[in-house]
């Protein structure tokens, strides 16, 4: 992870932690658990630090690559979800009703934020596809980080083509690059977009430039 990505992870993760903490405070205020509020007040700095760390952790998980997410895919994900559910149910048995509500609301907040991001990304993809001329196509690829150099930019192109077993040939090795993939011309441009929760996502757009001459 680059320095820029670490800074973003720290900042956005801290904001996420604050959002989760605010939702927790609202839950406590709505439940009217005065005794719980009085008990928690002396530990507010510790609770705040815990939420900030939790937010950064969730953001770090959110920004990991598919390869790094290997434990969260396939059969491994089923076992992980099962273990988490068992752990949460076991711990919940020893918690007060207010704390259980807090955990439930935090989970709902995370799910809503994830759903908002998913809908936003789907909308962006649909708009890109609808905006292409007839007979043309575009593919938007999310990057783990912004390529810092031209070599890194070309490396991202080559890595993606290699992963998909595409034959790559450079026509113009510059930015934006003009390439030929399996006999078809494509222009590759850098871009970025912001998710609803403020993450900057850098992209490469492969735009069809016609058939091979």
N, C-alpha and C. Protein backbone atom coordinates (compact mmCIF):
# COMPACT_ATOMS: atom_id res chain seq x y z
N UNK A 1 0.85 -1.19 0.00
CA UNK A 1 0.00 0.00 0.00
C UNK A 1 0.88 1.24 0.00
N UNK A 2 0.60 2.17 -0.92
CA UNK A 2 1.41 3.38 -1.04
C UNK A 2 1.12 4.33 0.12
N UNK A 3 1.99 5.35 0.27
CA UNK A 3 1.81 6.34 1.32
C UNK A 3 0.48 7.06 1.14
N UNK A 4 0.15 7.39 -0.12
CA UNK A 4 -1.11 8.08 -0.42
C UNK A 4 -2.31 7.22 0.00
N UNK A 5 -2.24 5.94 -0.29
CA UNK A 5 -3.33 5.04 0.08
C UNK A 5 -3.44 4.86 1.59
N UNK A 6 -2.29 4.85 2.27
CA UNK A 6 -2.31 4.73 3.73
C UNK A 6 -2.95 5.95 4.36
N UNK A 7 -2.62 7.13 3.81
CA UNK A 7 -3.23 8.36 4.32
C UNK A 7 -4.74 8.35 4.10
N UNK A 8 -5.14 7.92 2.90
CA UNK A 8 -6.58 7.86 2.59
C UNK A 8 -7.28 6.86 3.49
N UNK A 9 -6.63 5.71 3.72
CA UNK A 9 -7.21 4.69 4.59
C UNK A 9 -7.40 5.23 6.01
N UNK A 10 -6.39 5.96 6.50
CA UNK A 10 -6.48 6.53 7.84
C UNK A 10 -7.57 7.57 7.95
N UNK A 11 -7.66 8.46 6.94
CA UNK A 11 -8.65 9.54 6.97
C UNK A 11 -10.06 9.01 6.80
N UNK A 12 -10.29 8.26 5.72
CA UNK A 12 -11.63 7.75 5.44
C UNK A 12 -12.07 6.74 6.49
N UNK A 13 -11.12 5.93 6.97
CA UNK A 13 -11.45 4.97 8.02
C UNK A 13 -11.85 5.66 9.31
N UNK A 14 -11.17 6.76 9.64
CA UNK A 14 -11.52 7.52 10.84
C UNK A 14 -12.92 8.12 10.71
N UNK A 15 -13.24 8.62 9.51
CA UNK A 15 -14.58 9.17 9.28
C UNK A 15 -15.64 8.09 9.43
N UNK A 16 -15.34 6.90 8.88
CA UNK A 16 -16.27 5.78 9.03
C UNK A 16 -16.45 5.43 10.50
N UNK A 17 -15.36 5.42 11.26
CA UNK A 17 -15.45 5.14 12.68
C UNK A 17 -16.32 6.15 13.42
N UNK A 18 -16.19 7.43 13.05
CA UNK A 18 -17.01 8.47 13.67
C UNK A 18 -18.48 8.29 13.32
N UNK A 19 -18.76 7.90 12.07
CA UNK A 19 -20.15 7.65 11.67
C UNK A 19 -20.75 6.51 12.50
N UNK A 20 -19.98 5.44 12.68
CA UNK A 20 -20.45 4.32 13.48
C UNK A 20 -20.67 4.73 14.93
N UNK A 21 -19.77 5.55 15.46
CA UNK A 21 -19.92 5.99 16.84
C UNK A 21 -21.15 6.88 17.00
N UNK A 22 -21.39 7.79 16.04
CA UNK A 22 -22.56 8.65 16.11
C UNK A 22 -23.84 7.83 16.07
N UNK A 23 -23.87 6.79 15.23
CA UNK A 23 -25.05 5.93 15.18
C UNK A 23 -25.25 5.21 16.51
N UNK A 24 -24.15 4.83 17.15
CA UNK A 24 -24.24 4.17 18.45
C UNK A 24 -24.79 5.11 19.51
N UNK A 25 -24.32 6.36 19.50
CA UNK A 25 -24.81 7.34 20.47
C UNK A 25 -26.29 7.62 20.28
N UNK A 26 -26.74 7.65 19.03
CA UNK A 26 -28.16 7.86 18.76
C UNK A 26 -28.99 6.70 19.30
N UNK A 27 -28.48 5.48 19.12
CA UNK A 27 -29.19 4.30 19.64
C UNK A 27 -29.33 4.39 21.15
N UNK A 28 -28.23 4.73 21.82
CA UNK A 28 -28.24 4.81 23.29
C UNK A 28 -29.21 5.89 23.75
N UNK A 29 -29.24 7.03 23.04
CA UNK A 29 -30.15 8.12 23.43
C UNK A 29 -31.61 7.73 23.22
N UNK A 30 -31.89 6.98 22.15
CA UNK A 30 -33.26 6.56 21.88
C UNK A 30 -33.75 5.49 22.86
N UNK A 31 -32.85 4.65 23.33
CA UNK A 31 -33.25 3.61 24.28
C UNK A 31 -33.50 4.17 25.67
N UNK A 32 -32.97 5.37 25.93
CA UNK A 32 -33.18 5.99 27.23
C UNK A 32 -32.45 5.28 28.36
N UNK A 33 -31.36 4.62 28.02
CA UNK A 33 -30.58 3.88 29.03
C UNK A 33 -29.67 4.85 29.77
N UNK A 34 -30.24 5.57 30.73
CA UNK A 34 -29.48 6.58 31.47
C UNK A 34 -28.32 5.96 32.24
N UNK A 35 -28.57 4.80 32.83
CA UNK A 35 -27.52 4.14 33.61
C UNK A 35 -26.35 3.76 32.71
N UNK A 36 -26.67 3.29 31.51
CA UNK A 36 -25.61 2.92 30.57
C UNK A 36 -24.81 4.12 30.13
N UNK A 37 -25.49 5.26 29.92
CA UNK A 37 -24.80 6.48 29.51
C UNK A 37 -23.84 6.94 30.60
N UNK A 38 -24.31 6.95 31.84
CA UNK A 38 -23.47 7.37 32.96
C UNK A 38 -22.26 6.44 33.10
N UNK A 39 -22.49 5.14 32.90
CA UNK A 39 -21.41 4.17 33.02
C UNK A 39 -20.37 4.35 31.92
N UNK A 40 -20.82 4.75 30.71
CA UNK A 40 -19.91 4.85 29.56
C UNK A 40 -19.15 6.16 29.51
N UNK A 41 -19.67 7.21 30.14
CA UNK A 41 -19.06 8.54 30.03
C UNK A 41 -17.57 8.57 30.37
N UNK A 42 -17.12 7.95 31.46
CA UNK A 42 -15.69 8.01 31.78
C UNK A 42 -14.80 7.32 30.73
N UNK A 43 -15.40 6.45 29.93
CA UNK A 43 -14.63 5.68 28.95
C UNK A 43 -14.79 6.20 27.52
N UNK A 44 -15.35 7.40 27.37
CA UNK A 44 -15.60 7.94 26.04
C UNK A 44 -14.33 8.04 25.19
N UNK A 45 -13.18 8.51 25.74
CA UNK A 45 -11.96 8.54 24.92
C UNK A 45 -11.55 7.16 24.42
N UNK A 46 -11.70 6.15 25.27
CA UNK A 46 -11.36 4.78 24.87
C UNK A 46 -12.33 4.29 23.80
N UNK A 47 -13.62 4.58 23.98
CA UNK A 47 -14.64 4.17 23.01
C UNK A 47 -14.38 4.85 21.66
N UNK A 48 -14.03 6.15 21.71
CA UNK A 48 -13.73 6.88 20.48
C UNK A 48 -12.54 6.27 19.76
N UNK A 49 -11.48 5.99 20.52
CA UNK A 49 -10.28 5.38 19.91
C UNK A 49 -10.62 4.02 19.31
N UNK A 50 -11.45 3.25 20.01
CA UNK A 50 -11.84 1.94 19.50
C UNK A 50 -12.60 2.03 18.19
N UNK A 51 -13.52 3.00 18.10
CA UNK A 51 -14.28 3.17 16.86
C UNK A 51 -13.39 3.66 15.72
N UNK A 52 -12.43 4.53 16.02
CA UNK A 52 -11.51 5.00 14.98
C UNK A 52 -10.68 3.83 14.43
N UNK A 53 -10.18 3.00 15.34
CA UNK A 53 -9.40 1.83 14.91
C UNK A 53 -10.27 0.87 14.11
N UNK A 54 -11.51 0.67 14.57
CA UNK A 54 -12.44 -0.22 13.86
C UNK A 54 -12.74 0.31 12.46
N UNK A 55 -12.95 1.64 12.36
CA UNK A 55 -13.22 2.24 11.06
C UNK A 55 -12.06 2.07 10.10
N UNK A 56 -10.84 2.30 10.59
CA UNK A 56 -9.65 2.13 9.74
C UNK A 56 -9.51 0.67 9.32
N UNK A 57 -9.79 -0.25 10.23
CA UNK A 57 -9.71 -1.68 9.89
C UNK A 57 -10.70 -2.04 8.80
N UNK A 58 -11.94 -1.58 8.93
CA UNK A 58 -12.95 -1.87 7.90
C UNK A 58 -12.55 -1.26 6.57
N UNK A 59 -11.99 -0.04 6.61
CA UNK A 59 -11.57 0.61 5.37
C UNK A 59 -10.41 -0.13 4.72
N UNK A 60 -9.53 -0.65 5.56
CA UNK A 60 -8.40 -1.43 5.04
C UNK A 60 -8.91 -2.70 4.36
N UNK A 61 -9.87 -3.39 4.98
CA UNK A 61 -10.49 -4.57 4.37
C UNK A 61 -11.16 -4.18 3.06
N UNK A 62 -11.85 -3.05 3.06
CA UNK A 62 -12.57 -2.57 1.87
C UNK A 62 -11.63 -2.34 0.70
N UNK A 63 -10.41 -1.89 0.98
CA UNK A 63 -9.48 -1.52 -0.08
C UNK A 63 -8.55 -2.63 -0.53
N UNK A 64 -8.68 -3.82 0.04
CA UNK A 64 -7.80 -4.91 -0.33
C UNK A 64 -8.14 -5.45 -1.71
N UNK A 65 -7.14 -6.00 -2.39
CA UNK A 65 -7.32 -6.53 -3.74
C UNK A 65 -8.00 -7.89 -3.69
N UNK A 66 -8.56 -8.37 -4.83
CA UNK A 66 -9.18 -9.69 -4.84
C UNK A 66 -8.25 -10.80 -4.37
N UNK A 67 -6.96 -10.69 -4.72
CA UNK A 67 -6.00 -11.71 -4.28
C UNK A 67 -5.86 -11.69 -2.77
N UNK A 68 -5.81 -10.48 -2.20
CA UNK A 68 -5.69 -10.36 -0.75
C UNK A 68 -6.98 -10.74 -0.05
N UNK A 69 -8.09 -10.75 -0.79
CA UNK A 69 -9.38 -11.11 -0.24
C UNK A 69 -9.64 -12.61 -0.34
N UNK A 70 -8.62 -13.42 -0.59
CA UNK A 70 -8.81 -14.85 -0.85
C UNK A 70 -9.55 -15.56 0.28
N UNK A 71 -9.37 -15.10 1.51
CA UNK A 71 -10.06 -15.73 2.64
C UNK A 71 -11.52 -15.34 2.70
N UNK A 72 -11.92 -14.35 1.90
CA UNK A 72 -13.31 -13.89 1.92
C UNK A 72 -14.07 -14.35 0.70
N UNK A 73 -13.54 -15.32 -0.03
CA UNK A 73 -14.20 -15.82 -1.22
C UNK A 73 -14.32 -17.34 -1.16
N UNK A 74 -15.23 -17.88 -1.94
CA UNK A 74 -15.39 -19.32 -2.04
C UNK A 74 -15.82 -19.97 -0.74
N UNK A 75 -15.36 -21.22 -0.54
CA UNK A 75 -15.74 -21.98 0.65
C UNK A 75 -15.22 -21.33 1.93
N UNK A 76 -14.05 -20.67 1.83
CA UNK A 76 -13.48 -20.03 3.01
C UNK A 76 -14.42 -18.98 3.57
N UNK A 77 -15.12 -18.26 2.69
CA UNK A 77 -16.03 -17.21 3.14
C UNK A 77 -17.19 -17.80 3.94
N UNK A 78 -17.67 -18.99 3.54
CA UNK A 78 -18.78 -19.64 4.25
C UNK A 78 -18.37 -19.99 5.67
N UNK A 79 -17.17 -20.56 5.82
CA UNK A 79 -16.68 -20.90 7.15
C UNK A 79 -16.46 -19.64 7.99
N UNK A 80 -15.95 -18.58 7.35
CA UNK A 80 -15.69 -17.35 8.07
C UNK A 80 -16.99 -16.73 8.57
N UNK A 81 -18.00 -16.67 7.69
CA UNK A 81 -19.30 -16.12 8.09
C UNK A 81 -19.90 -16.94 9.23
N UNK A 82 -19.79 -18.28 9.14
CA UNK A 82 -20.31 -19.15 10.19
C UNK A 82 -19.63 -18.86 11.53
N UNK A 83 -18.29 -18.74 11.50
CA UNK A 83 -17.55 -18.47 12.74
C UNK A 83 -17.92 -17.12 13.32
N UNK A 84 -18.07 -16.11 12.45
CA UNK A 84 -18.43 -14.77 12.92
C UNK A 84 -19.82 -14.79 13.56
N UNK A 85 -20.78 -15.46 12.91
CA UNK A 85 -22.14 -15.53 13.44
C UNK A 85 -22.15 -16.22 14.80
N UNK A 86 -21.43 -17.34 14.92
CA UNK A 86 -21.36 -18.05 16.19
C UNK A 86 -20.73 -17.17 17.26
N UNK A 87 -19.64 -16.49 16.91
CA UNK A 87 -18.95 -15.62 17.87
C UNK A 87 -19.86 -14.48 18.33
N UNK A 88 -20.56 -13.85 17.38
CA UNK A 88 -21.44 -12.73 17.73
C UNK A 88 -22.58 -13.20 18.62
N UNK A 89 -23.19 -14.35 18.30
CA UNK A 89 -24.29 -14.87 19.10
C UNK A 89 -23.83 -15.24 20.51
N UNK A 90 -22.62 -15.79 20.60
CA UNK A 90 -22.08 -16.16 21.91
C UNK A 90 -21.81 -14.94 22.76
N UNK A 91 -21.17 -13.94 22.15
CA UNK A 91 -20.85 -12.71 22.88
C UNK A 91 -22.12 -11.97 23.26
N UNK A 92 -23.11 -11.95 22.33
CA UNK A 92 -24.35 -11.20 22.57
C UNK A 92 -25.10 -11.71 23.80
N UNK A 93 -24.92 -13.00 24.11
CA UNK A 93 -25.61 -13.57 25.26
C UNK A 93 -25.16 -12.93 26.57
N UNK A 94 -23.97 -12.35 26.58
CA UNK A 94 -23.43 -11.74 27.80
C UNK A 94 -23.53 -10.22 27.78
N UNK A 95 -24.17 -9.65 26.76
CA UNK A 95 -24.26 -8.21 26.63
C UNK A 95 -25.65 -7.71 27.01
N UNK A 96 -25.72 -6.43 27.36
CA UNK A 96 -27.01 -5.83 27.67
C UNK A 96 -27.80 -5.61 26.38
N UNK A 97 -29.09 -5.37 26.52
CA UNK A 97 -29.94 -5.17 25.35
C UNK A 97 -29.49 -3.94 24.57
N UNK A 98 -29.08 -2.88 25.26
CA UNK A 98 -28.64 -1.66 24.58
C UNK A 98 -27.42 -1.92 23.72
N UNK A 99 -26.46 -2.66 24.25
CA UNK A 99 -25.24 -2.96 23.49
C UNK A 99 -25.57 -3.82 22.27
N UNK A 100 -26.52 -4.74 22.43
CA UNK A 100 -26.94 -5.55 21.28
C UNK A 100 -27.56 -4.68 20.19
N UNK A 101 -28.36 -3.69 20.61
CA UNK A 101 -28.94 -2.76 19.64
C UNK A 101 -27.85 -1.97 18.93
N UNK A 102 -26.83 -1.56 19.69
CA UNK A 102 -25.73 -0.79 19.11
C UNK A 102 -25.02 -1.60 18.03
N UNK A 103 -24.71 -2.85 18.35
CA UNK A 103 -24.03 -3.72 17.37
C UNK A 103 -24.89 -3.92 16.14
N UNK A 104 -26.19 -4.14 16.34
CA UNK A 104 -27.11 -4.35 15.22
C UNK A 104 -27.16 -3.12 14.32
N UNK A 105 -27.26 -1.94 14.92
CA UNK A 105 -27.32 -0.70 14.13
C UNK A 105 -26.01 -0.46 13.39
N UNK A 106 -24.88 -0.75 14.02
CA UNK A 106 -23.59 -0.61 13.34
C UNK A 106 -23.52 -1.50 12.11
N UNK A 107 -24.01 -2.73 12.23
CA UNK A 107 -24.03 -3.65 11.09
C UNK A 107 -24.93 -3.11 9.99
N UNK A 108 -26.09 -2.57 10.37
CA UNK A 108 -27.02 -2.00 9.38
C UNK A 108 -26.38 -0.82 8.67
N UNK A 109 -25.69 0.05 9.42
CA UNK A 109 -25.02 1.21 8.81
C UNK A 109 -23.98 0.76 7.79
N UNK A 110 -23.16 -0.23 8.15
CA UNK A 110 -22.15 -0.74 7.22
C UNK A 110 -22.80 -1.33 5.97
N UNK A 111 -23.91 -2.04 6.15
CA UNK A 111 -24.61 -2.64 5.00
C UNK A 111 -25.18 -1.56 4.09
N UNK A 112 -25.78 -0.52 4.68
CA UNK A 112 -26.35 0.57 3.88
C UNK A 112 -25.26 1.29 3.09
N UNK A 113 -24.11 1.56 3.72
CA UNK A 113 -23.01 2.21 3.02
C UNK A 113 -22.50 1.34 1.87
N UNK A 114 -22.38 0.03 2.13
CA UNK A 114 -21.96 -0.89 1.06
C UNK A 114 -22.97 -0.90 -0.08
N UNK A 115 -24.27 -0.91 0.26
CA UNK A 115 -25.32 -0.93 -0.76
C UNK A 115 -25.29 0.35 -1.59
N UNK A 116 -25.08 1.50 -0.93
CA UNK A 116 -24.98 2.78 -1.65
C UNK A 116 -23.83 2.76 -2.63
N UNK A 117 -22.69 2.22 -2.20
CA UNK A 117 -21.53 2.16 -3.08
C UNK A 117 -21.80 1.24 -4.27
N UNK A 118 -22.43 0.10 -4.01
CA UNK A 118 -22.74 -0.85 -5.08
C UNK A 118 -23.68 -0.22 -6.11
N UNK A 119 -24.73 0.45 -5.65
CA UNK A 119 -25.69 1.08 -6.56
C UNK A 119 -25.01 2.17 -7.38
N UNK A 120 -24.12 2.94 -6.72
CA UNK A 120 -23.41 4.01 -7.42
C UNK A 120 -22.51 3.45 -8.51
N UNK A 121 -21.77 2.39 -8.21
CA UNK A 121 -20.87 1.79 -9.20
C UNK A 121 -21.66 1.20 -10.36
N UNK A 122 -22.80 0.58 -10.07
CA UNK A 122 -23.64 0.02 -11.13
C UNK A 122 -24.18 1.12 -12.03
N UNK A 123 -24.57 2.24 -11.42
CA UNK A 123 -25.08 3.37 -12.20
C UNK A 123 -24.01 3.93 -13.11
N UNK A 124 -22.78 4.05 -12.58
CA UNK A 124 -21.66 4.56 -13.39
C UNK A 124 -21.40 3.63 -14.57
N UNK A 125 -21.39 2.32 -14.32
CA UNK A 125 -21.15 1.35 -15.39
C UNK A 125 -22.24 1.43 -16.46
N UNK A 126 -23.50 1.54 -16.03
CA UNK A 126 -24.61 1.63 -16.99
C UNK A 126 -24.51 2.88 -17.84
N UNK A 127 -24.14 4.01 -17.20
CA UNK A 127 -24.02 5.27 -17.95
C UNK A 127 -22.89 5.21 -18.96
N UNK A 128 -21.79 4.56 -18.57
CA UNK A 128 -20.66 4.43 -19.50
C UNK A 128 -21.05 3.57 -20.71
N UNK A 129 -21.75 2.48 -20.45
CA UNK A 129 -22.16 1.60 -21.55
C UNK A 129 -23.18 2.26 -22.46
N UNK A 130 -24.13 3.02 -21.88
CA UNK A 130 -25.15 3.69 -22.68
C UNK A 130 -24.57 4.84 -23.49
N UNK A 131 -23.48 5.42 -22.99
CA UNK A 131 -22.91 6.58 -23.65
C UNK A 131 -22.00 6.25 -24.81
N UNK A 132 -21.71 4.97 -25.04
CA UNK A 132 -20.82 4.59 -26.13
C UNK A 132 -21.57 4.56 -27.44
N UNK A 133 -20.93 4.99 -28.56
CA UNK A 133 -21.56 4.94 -29.87
C UNK A 133 -21.90 3.51 -30.26
N UNK A 134 -22.84 3.38 -31.21
CA UNK A 134 -23.25 2.05 -31.67
C UNK A 134 -22.06 1.30 -32.25
N UNK A 135 -21.91 0.04 -31.84
CA UNK A 135 -20.81 -0.77 -32.35
C UNK A 135 -19.52 -0.61 -31.59
N UNK A 136 -19.51 0.29 -30.61
CA UNK A 136 -18.31 0.47 -29.79
C UNK A 136 -18.57 -0.12 -28.40
N UNK A 137 -17.51 -0.29 -27.63
CA UNK A 137 -17.65 -0.80 -26.28
C UNK A 137 -16.57 -0.21 -25.40
N UNK A 138 -16.83 -0.23 -24.10
CA UNK A 138 -15.85 0.30 -23.14
C UNK A 138 -15.82 -0.60 -21.92
N UNK A 139 -14.64 -0.73 -21.35
CA UNK A 139 -14.45 -1.53 -20.15
C UNK A 139 -13.72 -0.67 -19.14
N UNK A 140 -14.31 -0.50 -17.96
CA UNK A 140 -13.69 0.29 -16.90
C UNK A 140 -13.12 -0.66 -15.85
N UNK A 141 -11.83 -0.52 -15.59
CA UNK A 141 -11.14 -1.41 -14.65
C UNK A 141 -10.68 -0.59 -13.45
N UNK A 142 -11.11 -0.99 -12.25
CA UNK A 142 -10.66 -0.33 -11.03
C UNK A 142 -9.22 -0.73 -10.71
N UNK A 143 -8.43 0.24 -10.27
CA UNK A 143 -7.04 -0.01 -9.89
C UNK A 143 -6.88 0.04 -8.38
N UNK A 144 -5.90 -0.68 -7.87
CA UNK A 144 -5.62 -0.66 -6.44
C UNK A 144 -5.07 0.68 -6.00
N UNK A 145 -4.31 1.33 -6.88
CA UNK A 145 -3.74 2.64 -6.59
C UNK A 145 -3.41 3.34 -7.90
N UNK A 146 -3.16 4.63 -7.82
CA UNK A 146 -2.84 5.42 -9.01
C UNK A 146 -1.42 5.09 -9.48
N UNK A 147 -1.24 4.72 -10.77
CA UNK A 147 0.11 4.48 -11.29
C UNK A 147 0.96 5.75 -11.18
N UNK A 148 2.08 5.65 -10.51
CA UNK A 148 2.90 6.83 -10.25
C UNK A 148 3.77 7.21 -11.44
N UNK A 149 4.06 6.26 -12.32
CA UNK A 149 4.94 6.51 -13.46
C UNK A 149 4.32 5.91 -14.73
N UNK A 150 4.91 6.26 -15.88
CA UNK A 150 4.46 5.69 -17.14
C UNK A 150 4.67 4.17 -17.14
N UNK A 151 5.79 3.74 -16.56
CA UNK A 151 6.07 2.30 -16.50
C UNK A 151 5.00 1.57 -15.69
N UNK A 152 4.58 2.19 -14.58
CA UNK A 152 3.53 1.59 -13.76
C UNK A 152 2.20 1.55 -14.51
N UNK A 153 1.95 2.58 -15.30
CA UNK A 153 0.73 2.65 -16.13
C UNK A 153 0.71 1.51 -17.14
N UNK A 154 1.83 1.33 -17.85
CA UNK A 154 1.91 0.24 -18.83
C UNK A 154 1.85 -1.13 -18.14
N UNK A 155 2.44 -1.19 -16.94
CA UNK A 155 2.42 -2.46 -16.19
C UNK A 155 0.99 -2.86 -15.85
N UNK A 156 0.14 -1.89 -15.49
CA UNK A 156 -1.26 -2.19 -15.18
C UNK A 156 -1.98 -2.73 -16.41
N UNK A 157 -1.70 -2.13 -17.57
CA UNK A 157 -2.32 -2.62 -18.81
C UNK A 157 -1.88 -4.05 -19.09
N UNK A 158 -0.57 -4.28 -19.01
CA UNK A 158 -0.03 -5.61 -19.30
C UNK A 158 -0.52 -6.65 -18.30
N UNK A 159 -0.60 -6.26 -17.03
CA UNK A 159 -1.06 -7.19 -16.00
C UNK A 159 -2.51 -7.61 -16.24
N UNK A 160 -3.35 -6.64 -16.61
CA UNK A 160 -4.76 -6.96 -16.83
C UNK A 160 -4.94 -7.85 -18.06
N UNK A 161 -4.19 -7.53 -19.12
CA UNK A 161 -4.28 -8.35 -20.34
C UNK A 161 -3.77 -9.77 -20.09
N UNK A 162 -2.68 -9.87 -19.34
CA UNK A 162 -2.12 -11.19 -19.04
C UNK A 162 -3.08 -12.01 -18.19
N UNK A 163 -3.74 -11.35 -17.22
CA UNK A 163 -4.68 -12.06 -16.35
C UNK A 163 -5.87 -12.62 -17.13
N UNK A 164 -6.22 -11.94 -18.24
CA UNK A 164 -7.35 -12.38 -19.06
C UNK A 164 -6.92 -13.17 -20.29
N UNK A 165 -5.61 -13.46 -20.37
CA UNK A 165 -5.05 -14.24 -21.49
C UNK A 165 -5.32 -13.57 -22.83
N UNK A 166 -5.14 -12.25 -22.87
CA UNK A 166 -5.32 -11.49 -24.10
C UNK A 166 -3.96 -11.23 -24.75
N UNK A 167 -3.94 -11.25 -26.08
CA UNK A 167 -2.73 -10.89 -26.82
C UNK A 167 -2.65 -9.37 -26.92
N UNK A 168 -1.59 -8.81 -26.38
CA UNK A 168 -1.43 -7.35 -26.32
C UNK A 168 -0.34 -6.89 -27.26
N UNK A 169 -0.63 -5.80 -27.97
CA UNK A 169 0.35 -5.16 -28.84
C UNK A 169 0.18 -3.65 -28.72
N UNK A 170 1.28 -2.95 -28.49
CA UNK A 170 1.21 -1.49 -28.39
C UNK A 170 1.27 -0.87 -29.79
N UNK A 171 0.36 0.04 -30.06
CA UNK A 171 0.40 0.85 -31.28
C UNK A 171 1.05 2.19 -30.97
N UNK A 172 0.62 2.81 -29.87
CA UNK A 172 1.25 4.04 -29.37
C UNK A 172 1.46 3.86 -27.88
N UNK A 173 2.72 3.79 -27.47
CA UNK A 173 3.04 3.58 -26.07
C UNK A 173 3.21 4.93 -25.40
N UNK A 174 2.08 5.53 -25.08
CA UNK A 174 2.05 6.84 -24.44
C UNK A 174 0.80 6.89 -23.58
N UNK A 175 0.49 8.04 -23.04
CA UNK A 175 -0.71 8.20 -22.22
C UNK A 175 -1.61 9.27 -22.85
N UNK A 176 -2.83 8.91 -23.31
CA UNK A 176 -3.43 7.59 -23.30
C UNK A 176 -2.78 6.66 -24.32
N UNK A 177 -2.74 5.39 -23.98
CA UNK A 177 -2.11 4.40 -24.85
C UNK A 177 -3.10 3.92 -25.91
N UNK A 178 -2.57 3.60 -27.08
CA UNK A 178 -3.35 2.97 -28.14
C UNK A 178 -2.79 1.57 -28.32
N UNK A 179 -3.62 0.57 -28.10
CA UNK A 179 -3.16 -0.81 -28.11
C UNK A 179 -4.04 -1.66 -29.02
N UNK A 180 -3.57 -2.88 -29.25
CA UNK A 180 -4.36 -3.84 -30.01
C UNK A 180 -4.47 -5.11 -29.16
N UNK A 181 -5.71 -5.51 -28.86
CA UNK A 181 -5.97 -6.71 -28.08
C UNK A 181 -6.72 -7.70 -28.95
N UNK A 182 -6.09 -8.84 -29.19
CA UNK A 182 -6.71 -9.89 -30.01
C UNK A 182 -7.23 -9.33 -31.34
N UNK A 183 -6.44 -8.44 -31.96
CA UNK A 183 -6.79 -7.92 -33.27
C UNK A 183 -7.68 -6.70 -33.27
N UNK A 184 -8.09 -6.21 -32.09
CA UNK A 184 -8.95 -5.03 -32.04
C UNK A 184 -8.22 -3.88 -31.35
N UNK A 185 -8.46 -2.67 -31.86
CA UNK A 185 -7.80 -1.49 -31.31
C UNK A 185 -8.58 -0.95 -30.11
N UNK A 186 -7.81 -0.54 -29.10
CA UNK A 186 -8.40 0.06 -27.91
C UNK A 186 -7.54 1.24 -27.46
N UNK A 187 -8.21 2.30 -27.02
CA UNK A 187 -7.54 3.41 -26.35
C UNK A 187 -7.69 3.20 -24.85
N UNK A 188 -6.60 3.38 -24.12
CA UNK A 188 -6.63 3.16 -22.67
C UNK A 188 -6.38 4.48 -21.97
N UNK A 189 -7.38 4.96 -21.25
CA UNK A 189 -7.28 6.25 -20.57
C UNK A 189 -7.40 6.07 -19.06
N UNK A 190 -6.70 6.92 -18.34
CA UNK A 190 -6.80 6.94 -16.88
C UNK A 190 -7.99 7.79 -16.47
N UNK A 191 -8.57 7.44 -15.35
CA UNK A 191 -9.69 8.20 -14.81
C UNK A 191 -9.84 7.95 -13.32
N UNK A 192 -10.84 8.55 -12.75
CA UNK A 192 -11.14 8.32 -11.34
C UNK A 192 -12.59 8.67 -11.07
N UNK A 193 -13.09 8.17 -9.94
CA UNK A 193 -14.42 8.56 -9.49
C UNK A 193 -14.44 8.46 -7.97
N UNK A 194 -15.46 9.09 -7.39
CA UNK A 194 -15.63 9.07 -5.94
C UNK A 194 -16.82 8.20 -5.58
N UNK A 195 -16.66 7.32 -4.62
CA UNK A 195 -17.78 6.53 -4.14
C UNK A 195 -18.63 7.40 -3.22
N UNK A 196 -19.86 6.97 -2.88
CA UNK A 196 -20.72 7.78 -2.01
C UNK A 196 -20.12 8.06 -0.64
N UNK A 197 -19.18 7.22 -0.20
CA UNK A 197 -18.58 7.44 1.11
C UNK A 197 -17.20 8.09 1.00
N UNK A 198 -16.89 8.65 -0.17
CA UNK A 198 -15.72 9.50 -0.30
C UNK A 198 -14.44 8.86 -0.77
N UNK A 199 -14.44 7.58 -1.07
CA UNK A 199 -13.22 6.93 -1.53
C UNK A 199 -12.89 7.34 -2.95
N UNK A 200 -11.62 7.63 -3.21
CA UNK A 200 -11.17 7.88 -4.58
C UNK A 200 -10.77 6.55 -5.20
N UNK A 201 -11.38 6.21 -6.32
CA UNK A 201 -11.05 4.98 -7.04
C UNK A 201 -10.46 5.36 -8.39
N UNK A 202 -9.21 4.97 -8.63
CA UNK A 202 -8.55 5.24 -9.91
C UNK A 202 -8.91 4.11 -10.89
N UNK A 203 -9.09 4.48 -12.15
CA UNK A 203 -9.55 3.51 -13.14
C UNK A 203 -8.74 3.59 -14.43
N UNK A 204 -8.82 2.51 -15.21
CA UNK A 204 -8.37 2.49 -16.60
C UNK A 204 -9.59 2.17 -17.45
N UNK A 205 -9.83 2.96 -18.49
CA UNK A 205 -10.95 2.71 -19.39
C UNK A 205 -10.42 2.25 -20.73
N UNK A 206 -10.79 1.02 -21.12
CA UNK A 206 -10.45 0.47 -22.43
C UNK A 206 -11.61 0.79 -23.37
N UNK A 207 -11.39 1.72 -24.31
CA UNK A 207 -12.44 2.12 -25.25
C UNK A 207 -12.11 1.58 -26.63
N UNK A 208 -13.08 0.90 -27.24
CA UNK A 208 -12.87 0.32 -28.56
C UNK A 208 -12.58 1.39 -29.59
N UNK A 209 -11.55 1.15 -30.42
CA UNK A 209 -11.17 2.11 -31.47
C UNK A 209 -11.29 1.50 -32.85
N UNK A 210 -12.05 0.42 -32.99
CA UNK A 210 -12.27 -0.17 -34.31
C UNK A 210 -11.48 -1.43 -34.52
N UNK A 211 -11.69 -2.05 -35.66
CA UNK A 211 -11.02 -3.30 -35.99
C UNK A 211 -9.60 -3.05 -36.46
N UNK A 212 -8.85 -4.12 -36.49
CA UNK A 212 -7.47 -4.04 -36.96
C UNK A 212 -7.45 -3.63 -38.43
N UNK A 213 -6.51 -2.72 -38.78
CA UNK A 213 -6.40 -2.24 -40.16
C UNK A 213 -5.77 -3.30 -41.05
